[in-house]
Protein backbone atom coordinates (compact mmCIF):
# COMPACT_ATOMS: atom_id res chain seq x y z
CA UNK A 1 84.88 37.67 140.48
CA UNK A 2 82.53 39.53 142.81
CA UNK A 3 79.64 39.24 140.29
CA UNK A 4 80.21 35.49 139.92
CA UNK A 5 80.18 35.10 143.72
CA UNK A 6 76.89 37.09 143.96
CA UNK A 7 75.36 34.92 141.22
CA UNK A 8 76.40 31.75 143.05
CA UNK A 9 74.94 33.09 146.30
CA UNK A 10 71.69 34.08 144.60
CA UNK A 11 71.23 30.53 143.32
CA UNK A 12 72.03 28.93 146.68
CA UNK A 13 70.33 31.58 148.82
CA UNK A 14 67.79 33.60 146.78
CA UNK A 15 67.06 36.06 149.61
CA UNK A 16 70.75 37.01 149.99
CA UNK A 17 71.02 38.51 146.50
CA UNK A 18 68.00 40.84 146.90
CA UNK A 19 69.05 44.43 146.42
CA UNK A 20 66.86 47.36 147.41
CA UNK A 21 64.07 47.81 149.92
CA UNK A 22 61.98 44.82 150.89
CA UNK A 23 58.89 44.30 148.75
CA UNK A 24 55.43 43.51 150.09
CA UNK A 25 54.34 39.92 149.55
CA UNK A 26 52.50 39.26 146.31
CA UNK A 27 48.92 38.06 146.66
CA UNK A 28 48.32 34.50 145.49
CA UNK A 29 46.93 34.27 141.97
CA UNK A 30 43.15 34.17 142.02
CA UNK A 31 41.55 31.02 140.72
CA UNK A 32 39.47 31.47 137.60
CA UNK A 33 35.75 31.31 138.19
CA UNK A 34 34.34 27.83 137.76
CA UNK A 35 31.03 28.98 136.33
CA UNK A 36 29.29 31.66 134.35
CA UNK A 37 27.89 32.51 130.95
CA UNK A 38 29.46 33.06 127.58
CA UNK A 39 27.86 33.61 124.24
CA UNK A 40 26.69 36.04 121.65
CA UNK A 41 24.21 38.95 121.33
CA UNK A 42 22.42 39.59 118.02
CA UNK A 43 19.64 41.92 116.87
CA UNK A 44 16.95 40.90 114.43
CA UNK A 45 15.12 40.09 112.35
CA UNK A 46 16.34 42.94 110.18
CA UNK A 47 13.66 42.55 107.50
CA UNK A 48 10.21 40.94 107.21
CA UNK A 49 11.58 38.36 104.77
CA UNK A 50 15.22 37.39 105.00
CA UNK A 51 16.73 36.65 101.61
CA UNK A 52 20.25 35.28 101.32
CA UNK A 53 22.90 36.62 101.20
CA UNK A 54 21.48 39.46 103.36
CA UNK A 55 21.72 38.54 107.05
CA UNK A 56 18.57 38.23 109.13
CA UNK A 57 20.41 39.05 112.36
CA UNK A 58 23.28 41.41 113.09
CA UNK A 59 25.83 41.05 115.93
CA UNK A 60 25.44 43.70 118.62
CA UNK A 61 28.77 45.30 119.45
CA UNK A 62 29.30 47.32 122.60
CA UNK A 63 25.99 46.66 124.35
CA UNK A 64 26.02 45.89 128.06
CA UNK A 65 24.24 42.90 129.56
CA UNK A 66 23.20 43.43 133.18
CA UNK A 67 22.49 40.43 135.43
CA UNK A 68 20.40 40.59 138.59
CA UNK A 69 17.80 38.70 140.62
CA UNK A 70 14.08 38.94 140.04
CA UNK A 71 12.50 41.57 142.31
CA UNK A 72 15.85 43.15 143.22
CA UNK A 73 17.59 46.16 141.75
CA UNK A 74 21.04 44.90 142.79
CA UNK A 75 23.50 44.40 139.92
CA UNK A 76 25.22 41.02 140.30
CA UNK A 77 27.12 40.90 137.04
CA UNK A 78 27.79 42.86 133.89
CA UNK A 79 29.31 42.09 130.50
CA UNK A 80 29.94 44.32 127.49
CA UNK A 81 29.97 42.67 124.10
CA UNK A 82 33.00 42.94 121.87
CA UNK A 83 32.91 43.97 118.21
CA UNK A 84 31.73 40.51 117.10
CA UNK A 85 28.87 40.51 119.63
CA UNK A 86 30.48 37.95 121.95
CA UNK A 87 30.68 38.19 125.75
CA UNK A 88 31.80 36.28 128.84
CA UNK A 89 30.79 36.89 132.46
CA UNK A 90 31.58 34.98 135.65
CA UNK A 91 28.49 34.45 137.80
CA UNK A 92 27.57 32.31 140.77
CA UNK A 93 25.14 29.45 140.14
CA UNK A 94 21.48 30.45 140.09
CA UNK A 95 18.74 32.12 138.07
CA UNK A 96 19.28 35.67 136.80
CA UNK A 97 17.19 38.29 135.06
CA UNK A 98 18.98 39.91 132.13
CA UNK A 99 18.58 43.40 130.68
CA UNK A 100 20.52 45.17 127.95
CA UNK A 101 21.66 48.78 127.64
CA UNK A 102 21.14 50.68 125.49
CA UNK A 103 17.63 49.32 125.12
CA UNK A 104 17.13 48.57 121.41
CA UNK A 105 14.20 46.17 121.75
CA UNK A 106 13.08 43.23 123.85
CA UNK A 107 15.89 40.90 124.98
CA UNK A 108 15.24 37.18 124.68
CA UNK A 109 15.72 35.21 126.83
CA UNK A 110 15.33 37.59 129.73
CA UNK A 111 15.84 34.88 132.36
CA UNK A 112 18.88 32.57 132.44
CA UNK A 113 20.18 29.81 134.70
CA UNK A 114 23.90 29.58 135.52
CA UNK A 115 24.97 25.97 136.17
CA UNK A 116 26.57 24.83 139.42
CA UNK A 117 29.79 24.01 137.58
CA UNK A 118 31.08 24.96 134.18
CA UNK A 119 30.16 27.60 131.66
CA UNK A 120 26.86 27.78 129.83
CA UNK A 121 26.82 29.04 126.25
CA UNK A 122 23.83 31.21 125.38
CA UNK A 123 22.67 33.36 122.48
CA UNK A 124 20.70 36.50 123.33
CA UNK A 125 18.53 38.13 120.67
CA UNK A 126 17.34 41.71 120.79
CA UNK A 127 13.96 41.43 119.09
CA UNK A 128 13.23 44.20 116.57
CA UNK A 129 9.54 43.27 116.32
CA UNK A 130 9.70 42.89 112.52
CA UNK A 131 7.81 39.83 111.27
């Protein structure tokens, strides 16, 4: 009977049924970022003449994209690609310079614009210099 009474009290008065030391308040859930970049990183071309079914570009797994402002060494965002070469990074609106580590060739584009609202999809290519 005592358990039923406690259950009834916990429904009517949730704070009455709390057992144990008081817990600190939980922070409110953070809102997801409203803007940023998502996309894919590939490396290529892999041969002077691409012949199907051989791919001309290969996804780049586990490379890190670093986002900053032109003329500044401050790091404003970073994203590491997953096994399929895809990434997602929340960034404030504006224009960013982009570099990749490890450096495996020239990254194109090296300058991107993040929109004021929403996510921009972009494909980065690490140029091998093979033509």
